[in-house]
């Protein structure tokens, strides 16, 4: 069984979006966004998940975790 990488480095991310800028602890991502929504991460077995409408299956999404 082949394992997929569980993370994307900033170098790889740069080729997926129009503009990525990392300055100190701040990250700026510029891209054409269709929808922005706020959800709470919920428990799912031994992991966690975010629920999203089925119409977005196969689409690229950004997940940002807010500091408490």
PDB file of N, CA and C in Angstrom:
ATOM      1  N   UNK A   1       0.847  -1.188   0.000  1.00  0.00           N
ATOM      2  CA  UNK A   1       0.000   0.000   0.000  1.00  0.00           C
ATOM      3  C   UNK A   1       0.886   1.242   0.000  1.00  0.00           C
ATOM      4  N   UNK A   2       0.628   2.147  -0.926  1.00  0.00           N
ATOM      5  CA  UNK A   2       1.417   3.365  -1.036  1.00  0.00           C
ATOM      6  C   UNK A   2       0.789   4.467  -0.182  1.00  0.00           C
ATOM      7  N   UNK A   3       1.607   5.161   0.615  1.00  0.00           N
ATOM      8  CA  UNK A   3       1.109   6.226   1.486  1.00  0.00           C
ATOM      9  C   UNK A   3       1.235   7.566   0.783  1.00  0.00           C
ATOM     10  N   UNK A   4       0.194   8.390   0.905  1.00  0.00           N
ATOM     11  CA  UNK A   4       0.238   9.746   0.369  1.00  0.00           C
ATOM     12  C   UNK A   4       0.758  10.688   1.431  1.00  0.00           C
ATOM     13  N   UNK A   5       1.395  11.775   1.004  1.00  0.00           N
ATOM     14  CA  UNK A   5       1.882  12.779   1.939  1.00  0.00           C
ATOM     15  C   UNK A   5       0.706  13.449   2.628  1.00  0.00           C
ATOM     16  N   UNK A   6       0.796  13.643   3.932  1.00  0.00           N
ATOM     17  CA  UNK A   6      -0.291  14.240   4.704  1.00  0.00           C
ATOM     18  C   UNK A   6      -0.174  15.761   4.770  1.00  0.00           C
ATOM     19  N   UNK A   7       0.824  16.328   4.125  1.00  0.00           N
ATOM     20  CA  UNK A   7       1.016  17.770   4.167  1.00  0.00           C
ATOM     21  C   UNK A   7       1.543  18.236   2.821  1.00  0.00           C
ATOM     22  N   UNK A   8       1.454  19.530   2.576  1.00  0.00           N
ATOM     23  CA  UNK A   8       2.011  20.144   1.367  1.00  0.00           C
ATOM     24  C   UNK A   8       2.967  21.225   1.824  1.00  0.00           C
ATOM     25  N   UNK A   9       4.191  21.172   1.360  1.00  0.00           N
ATOM     26  CA  UNK A   9       5.154  22.201   1.759  1.00  0.00           C
ATOM     27  C   UNK A   9       4.829  23.504   1.033  1.00  0.00           C
ATOM     28  N   UNK A  10       5.316  24.612   1.545  1.00  0.00           N
ATOM     29  CA  UNK A  10       5.080  25.916   0.927  1.00  0.00           C
ATOM     30  C   UNK A  10       5.626  25.930  -0.497  1.00  0.00           C
ATOM     31  N   UNK A  11       6.754  25.265  -0.757  1.00  0.00           N
ATOM     32  CA  UNK A  11       7.312  25.225  -2.110  1.00  0.00           C
ATOM     33  C   UNK A  11       6.345  24.574  -3.094  1.00  0.00           C
ATOM     34  N   UNK A  12       5.697  23.491  -2.696  1.00  0.00           N
ATOM     35  CA  UNK A  12       4.730  22.833  -3.564  1.00  0.00           C
ATOM     36  C   UNK A  12       3.468  23.666  -3.693  1.00  0.00           C
ATOM     37  N   UNK A  13       3.052  24.322  -2.645  1.00  0.00           N
ATOM     38  CA  UNK A  13       1.844  25.148  -2.626  1.00  0.00           C
ATOM     39  C   UNK A  13       1.952  26.294  -3.617  1.00  0.00           C
ATOM     40  N   UNK A  14       3.150  26.827  -3.784  1.00  0.00           N
ATOM     41  CA  UNK A  14       3.374  27.987  -4.639  1.00  0.00           C
ATOM     42  C   UNK A  14       2.896  27.732  -6.070  1.00  0.00           C
ATOM     43  N   UNK A  15       2.968  26.495  -6.531  1.00  0.00           N
ATOM     44  CA  UNK A  15       2.583  26.173  -7.894  1.00  0.00           C
ATOM     45  C   UNK A  15       1.095  25.908  -8.035  1.00  0.00           C
ATOM     46  N   UNK A  16       0.360  25.848  -6.947  1.00  0.00           N
ATOM     47  CA  UNK A  16      -1.062  25.546  -6.980  1.00  0.00           C
ATOM     48  C   UNK A  16      -1.924  26.804  -6.954  1.00  0.00           C
ATOM     49  N   UNK A  17      -1.378  27.908  -6.526  1.00  0.00           N
ATOM     50  CA  UNK A  17      -2.158  29.137  -6.405  1.00  0.00           C
ATOM     51  C   UNK A  17      -1.479  30.243  -7.191  1.00  0.00           C
ATOM     52  N   UNK A  18      -2.182  31.325  -7.361  1.00  0.00           N
ATOM     53  CA  UNK A  18      -1.625  32.434  -8.115  1.00  0.00           C
ATOM     54  C   UNK A  18      -0.502  33.143  -7.375  1.00  0.00           C
ATOM     55  N   UNK A  19      -0.655  33.327  -6.064  1.00  0.00           N
ATOM     56  CA  UNK A  19       0.378  34.038  -5.308  1.00  0.00           C
ATOM     57  C   UNK A  19       0.378  33.566  -3.862  1.00  0.00           C
ATOM     58  N   UNK A  20       1.554  33.197  -3.360  1.00  0.00           N
ATOM     59  CA  UNK A  20       1.725  32.825  -1.957  1.00  0.00           C
ATOM     60  C   UNK A  20       2.892  33.633  -1.427  1.00  0.00           C
ATOM     61  N   UNK A  21       2.695  34.286  -0.295  1.00  0.00           N
ATOM     62  CA  UNK A  21       3.754  35.081   0.313  1.00  0.00           C
ATOM     63  C   UNK A  21       3.820  34.734   1.788  1.00  0.00           C
ATOM     64  N   UNK A  22       4.996  34.348   2.250  1.00  0.00           N
ATOM     65  CA  UNK A  22       5.210  34.016   3.649  1.00  0.00           C
ATOM     66  C   UNK A  22       6.181  35.031   4.234  1.00  0.00           C
ATOM     67  N   UNK A  23       5.697  35.805   5.209  1.00  0.00           N
ATOM     68  CA  UNK A  23       6.510  36.821   5.868  1.00  0.00           C
ATOM     69  C   UNK A  23       6.424  36.586   7.363  1.00  0.00           C
ATOM     70  N   UNK A  24       7.517  36.107   7.940  1.00  0.00           N
ATOM     71  CA  UNK A  24       7.495  35.800   9.365  1.00  0.00           C
ATOM     72  C   UNK A  24       6.442  34.763   9.657  1.00  0.00           C
ATOM     73  N   UNK A  25       5.468  35.108  10.493  1.00  0.00           N
ATOM     74  CA  UNK A  25       4.384  34.187  10.838  1.00  0.00           C
ATOM     75  C   UNK A  25       3.111  34.464  10.055  1.00  0.00           C
ATOM     76  N   UNK A  26       3.163  35.348   9.048  1.00  0.00           N
ATOM     77  CA  UNK A  26       1.978  35.689   8.265  1.00  0.00           C
ATOM     78  C   UNK A  26       2.051  35.030   6.892  1.00  0.00           C
ATOM     79  N   UNK A  27       0.931  34.475   6.448  1.00  0.00           N
ATOM     80  CA  UNK A  27       0.818  33.811   5.158  1.00  0.00           C
ATOM     81  C   UNK A  27      -0.241  34.530   4.339  1.00  0.00           C
ATOM     82  N   UNK A  28       0.114  34.970   3.134  1.00  0.00           N
ATOM     83  CA  UNK A  28      -0.817  35.642   2.231  1.00  0.00           C
ATOM     84  C   UNK A  28      -1.024  34.741   1.027  1.00  0.00           C
ATOM     85  N   UNK A  29      -2.276  34.374   0.746  1.00  0.00           N
ATOM     86  CA  UNK A  29      -2.621  33.566  -0.418  1.00  0.00           C
ATOM     87  C   UNK A  29      -3.596  34.374  -1.255  1.00  0.00           C
ATOM     88  N   UNK A  30      -3.238  34.626  -2.508  1.00  0.00           N
ATOM     89  CA  UNK A  30      -4.137  35.324  -3.418  1.00  0.00           C
ATOM     90  C   UNK A  30      -4.601  34.336  -4.467  1.00  0.00           C
ATOM     91  N   UNK A  31      -5.905  34.179  -4.612  1.00  0.00           N
ATOM     92  CA  UNK A  31      -6.486  33.262  -5.578  1.00  0.00           C
ATOM     93  C   UNK A  31      -7.920  33.707  -5.844  1.00  0.00           C
ATOM     94  N   UNK A  32      -8.533  33.190  -6.895  1.00  0.00           N
ATOM     95  CA  UNK A  32      -9.934  33.487  -7.168  1.00  0.00           C
ATOM     96  C   UNK A  32     -10.780  32.563  -6.304  1.00  0.00           C
ATOM     97  N   UNK A  33     -11.539  33.132  -5.375  1.00  0.00           N
ATOM     98  CA  UNK A  33     -12.317  32.367  -4.407  1.00  0.00           C
ATOM     99  C   UNK A  33     -13.793  32.427  -4.772  1.00  0.00           C
ATOM    100  N   UNK A  34     -14.436  31.277  -4.805  1.00  0.00           N
ATOM    101  CA  UNK A  34     -15.865  31.201  -5.107  1.00  0.00           C
ATOM    102  C   UNK A  34     -16.722  31.372  -3.862  1.00  0.00           C
ATOM    103  N   UNK A  35     -16.259  30.841  -2.733  1.00  0.00           N
ATOM    104  CA  UNK A  35     -17.048  30.848  -1.509  1.00  0.00           C
ATOM    105  C   UNK A  35     -16.124  30.818  -0.309  1.00  0.00           C
ATOM    106  N   UNK A  36     -16.461  31.575   0.715  1.00  0.00           N
ATOM    107  CA  UNK A  36     -15.730  31.552   1.971  1.00  0.00           C
ATOM    108  C   UNK A  36     -16.747  31.260   3.065  1.00  0.00           C
ATOM    109  N   UNK A  37     -16.517  30.221   3.866  1.00  0.00           N
ATOM    110  CA  UNK A  37     -17.435  29.926   4.946  1.00  0.00           C
ATOM    111  C   UNK A  37     -16.659  29.503   6.177  1.00  0.00           C
ATOM    112  N   UNK A  38     -17.338  29.591   7.312  1.00  0.00           N
ATOM    113  CA  UNK A  38     -16.734  29.246   8.590  1.00  0.00           C
ATOM    114  C   UNK A  38     -17.458  28.034   9.152  1.00  0.00           C
ATOM    115  N   UNK A  39     -16.708  27.019   9.521  1.00  0.00           N
ATOM    116  CA  UNK A  39     -17.279  25.786  10.080  1.00  0.00           C
ATOM    117  C   UNK A  39     -16.457  25.375  11.290  1.00  0.00           C
ATOM    118  N   UNK A  40     -17.023  24.521  12.111  1.00  0.00           N
ATOM    119  CA  UNK A  40     -16.322  23.957  13.256  1.00  0.00           C
ATOM    120  C   UNK A  40     -15.904  22.537  12.890  1.00  0.00           C
ATOM    121  N   UNK A  41     -14.664  22.191  13.165  1.00  0.00           N
ATOM    122  CA  UNK A  41     -14.169  20.842  12.930  1.00  0.00           C
ATOM    123  C   UNK A  41     -14.844  19.914  13.928  1.00  0.00           C
ATOM    124  N   UNK A  42     -15.377  18.786  13.433  1.00  0.00           N
ATOM    125  CA  UNK A  42     -16.069  17.837  14.300  1.00  0.00           C
ATOM    126  C   UNK A  42     -15.343  16.499  14.317  1.00  0.00           C
ATOM    127  N   UNK A  43     -15.605  15.721  15.364  1.00  0.00           N
ATOM    128  CA  UNK A  43     -14.985  14.414  15.522  1.00  0.00           C
ATOM    129  C   UNK A  43     -15.548  13.444  14.487  1.00  0.00           C
ATOM    130  N   UNK A  44     -14.671  12.580  13.951  1.00  0.00           N
ATOM    131  CA  UNK A  44     -15.070  11.559  12.990  1.00  0.00           C
ATOM    132  C   UNK A  44     -14.215  10.329  13.241  1.00  0.00           C
ATOM    133  N   UNK A  45     -14.715   9.387  14.025  1.00  0.00           N
ATOM    134  CA  UNK A  45     -13.930   8.205  14.401  1.00  0.00           C
ATOM    135  C   UNK A  45     -12.720   8.610  15.213  1.00  0.00           C
ATOM    136  N   UNK A  46     -11.530   8.253  14.730  1.00  0.00           N
ATOM    137  CA  UNK A  46     -10.292   8.632  15.412  1.00  0.00           C
ATOM    138  C   UNK A  46      -9.667   9.864  14.764  1.00  0.00           C
ATOM    139  N   UNK A  47     -10.425  10.561  13.915  1.00  0.00           N
ATOM    140  CA  UNK A  47      -9.918  11.722  13.195  1.00  0.00           C
ATOM    141  C   UNK A  47     -10.897  12.888  13.364  1.00  0.00           C
ATOM    142  N   UNK A  48     -10.893  13.810  12.414  1.00  0.00           N
ATOM    143  CA  UNK A  48     -11.803  14.955  12.443  1.00  0.00           C
ATOM    144  C   UNK A  48     -12.205  15.294  11.019  1.00  0.00           C
ATOM    145  N   UNK A  49     -13.260  16.113  10.863  1.00  0.00           N
ATOM    146  CA  UNK A  49     -13.741  16.449   9.521  1.00  0.00           C
ATOM    147  C   UNK A  49     -14.423  17.815   9.505  1.00  0.00           C
ATOM    148  N   UNK A  50     -14.601  18.329   8.307  1.00  0.00           N
ATOM    149  CA  UNK A  50     -15.420  19.506   8.045  1.00  0.00           C
ATOM    150  C   UNK A  50     -16.453  19.106   7.012  1.00  0.00           C
ATOM    151  N   UNK A  51     -17.713  19.403   7.236  1.00  0.00           N
ATOM    152  CA  UNK A  51     -18.754  19.072   6.262  1.00  0.00           C
ATOM    153  C   UNK A  51     -18.856  20.179   5.217  1.00  0.00           C
ATOM    154  N   UNK A  52     -18.914  19.761   3.944  1.00  0.00           N
ATOM    155  CA  UNK A  52     -19.026  20.681   2.825  1.00  0.00           C
ATOM    156  C   UNK A  52     -20.066  20.117   1.864  1.00  0.00           C
ATOM    157  N   UNK A  53     -20.769  20.963   1.155  1.00  0.00           N
ATOM    158  CA  UNK A  53     -21.780  20.543   0.196  1.00  0.00           C
ATOM    159  C   UNK A  53     -21.183  19.634  -0.886  1.00  0.00           C
ATOM    160  N   UNK A  54     -21.951  18.640  -1.342  1.00  0.00           N
ATOM    161  CA  UNK A  54     -21.492  17.699  -2.365  1.00  0.00           C
ATOM    162  C   UNK A  54     -21.117  18.387  -3.672  1.00  0.00           C
ATOM    163  N   UNK A  55     -21.656  19.566  -3.932  1.00  0.00           N
ATOM    164  CA  UNK A  55     -21.352  20.238  -5.196  1.00  0.00           C
ATOM    165  C   UNK A  55     -19.878  20.641  -5.299  1.00  0.00           C
ATOM    166  N   UNK A  56     -19.140  20.573  -4.176  1.00  0.00           N
ATOM    167  CA  UNK A  56     -17.725  20.933  -4.191  1.00  0.00           C
ATOM    168  C   UNK A  56     -16.803  19.720  -4.259  1.00  0.00           C
ATOM    169  N   UNK A  57     -17.352  18.511  -4.442  1.00  0.00           N
ATOM    170  CA  UNK A  57     -16.517  17.312  -4.567  1.00  0.00           C
ATOM    171  C   UNK A  57     -15.580  17.488  -5.754  1.00  0.00           C
ATOM    172  N   UNK A  58     -14.311  17.201  -5.521  1.00  0.00           N
ATOM    173  CA  UNK A  58     -13.297  17.319  -6.568  1.00  0.00           C
ATOM    174  C   UNK A  58     -12.704  18.706  -6.715  1.00  0.00           C
ATOM    175  N   UNK A  59     -13.190  19.667  -5.960  1.00  0.00           N
ATOM    176  CA  UNK A  59     -12.669  21.037  -6.042  1.00  0.00           C
ATOM    177  C   UNK A  59     -11.552  21.242  -5.046  1.00  0.00           C
ATOM    178  N   UNK A  60     -10.637  22.164  -5.333  1.00  0.00           N
ATOM    179  CA  UNK A  60      -9.552  22.514  -4.428  1.00  0.00           C
ATOM    180  C   UNK A  60     -10.095  23.428  -3.334  1.00  0.00           C
ATOM    181  N   UNK A  61      -9.638  23.210  -2.093  1.00  0.00           N
ATOM    182  CA  UNK A  61     -10.088  24.036  -0.970  1.00  0.00           C
ATOM    183  C   UNK A  61      -8.904  24.340  -0.064  1.00  0.00           C
ATOM    184  N   UNK A  62      -8.966  25.445   0.640  1.00  0.00           N
ATOM    185  CA  UNK A  62      -7.979  25.809   1.644  1.00  0.00           C
ATOM    186  C   UNK A  62      -8.626  25.625   3.007  1.00  0.00           C
ATOM    187  N   UNK A  63      -7.898  25.059   3.933  1.00  0.00           N
ATOM    188  CA  UNK A  63      -8.387  24.918   5.308  1.00  0.00           C
ATOM    189  C   UNK A  63      -7.408  25.667   6.200  1.00  0.00           C
ATOM    190  N   UNK A  64      -7.912  26.623   6.944  1.00  0.00           N
ATOM    191  CA  UNK A  64      -7.081  27.382   7.882  1.00  0.00           C
ATOM    192  C   UNK A  64      -7.601  27.108   9.274  1.00  0.00           C
ATOM    193  N   UNK A  65      -6.728  26.754  10.178  1.00  0.00           N
ATOM    194  CA  UNK A  65      -7.111  26.484  11.556  1.00  0.00           C
ATOM    195  C   UNK A  65      -6.822  27.725  12.394  1.00  0.00           C
ATOM    196  N   UNK A  66      -7.863  28.252  13.016  1.00  0.00           N
ATOM    197  CA  UNK A  66      -7.752  29.470  13.815  1.00  0.00           C
ATOM    198  C   UNK A  66      -7.166  29.146  15.175  1.00  0.00           C
ATOM    199  N   UNK A  67      -6.268  29.976  15.624  1.00  0.00           N
ATOM    200  CA  UNK A  67      -5.696  29.825  16.967  1.00  0.00           C
ATOM    201  C   UNK A  67      -6.758  30.181  17.985  1.00  0.00           C
ATOM    202  N   UNK A  68      -6.835  29.429  19.082  1.00  0.00           N
ATOM    203  CA  UNK A  68      -7.834  29.701  20.135  1.00  0.00           C
ATOM    204  C   UNK A  68      -7.547  31.000  20.848  1.00  0.00           C
TER     205      UNK A  68
END
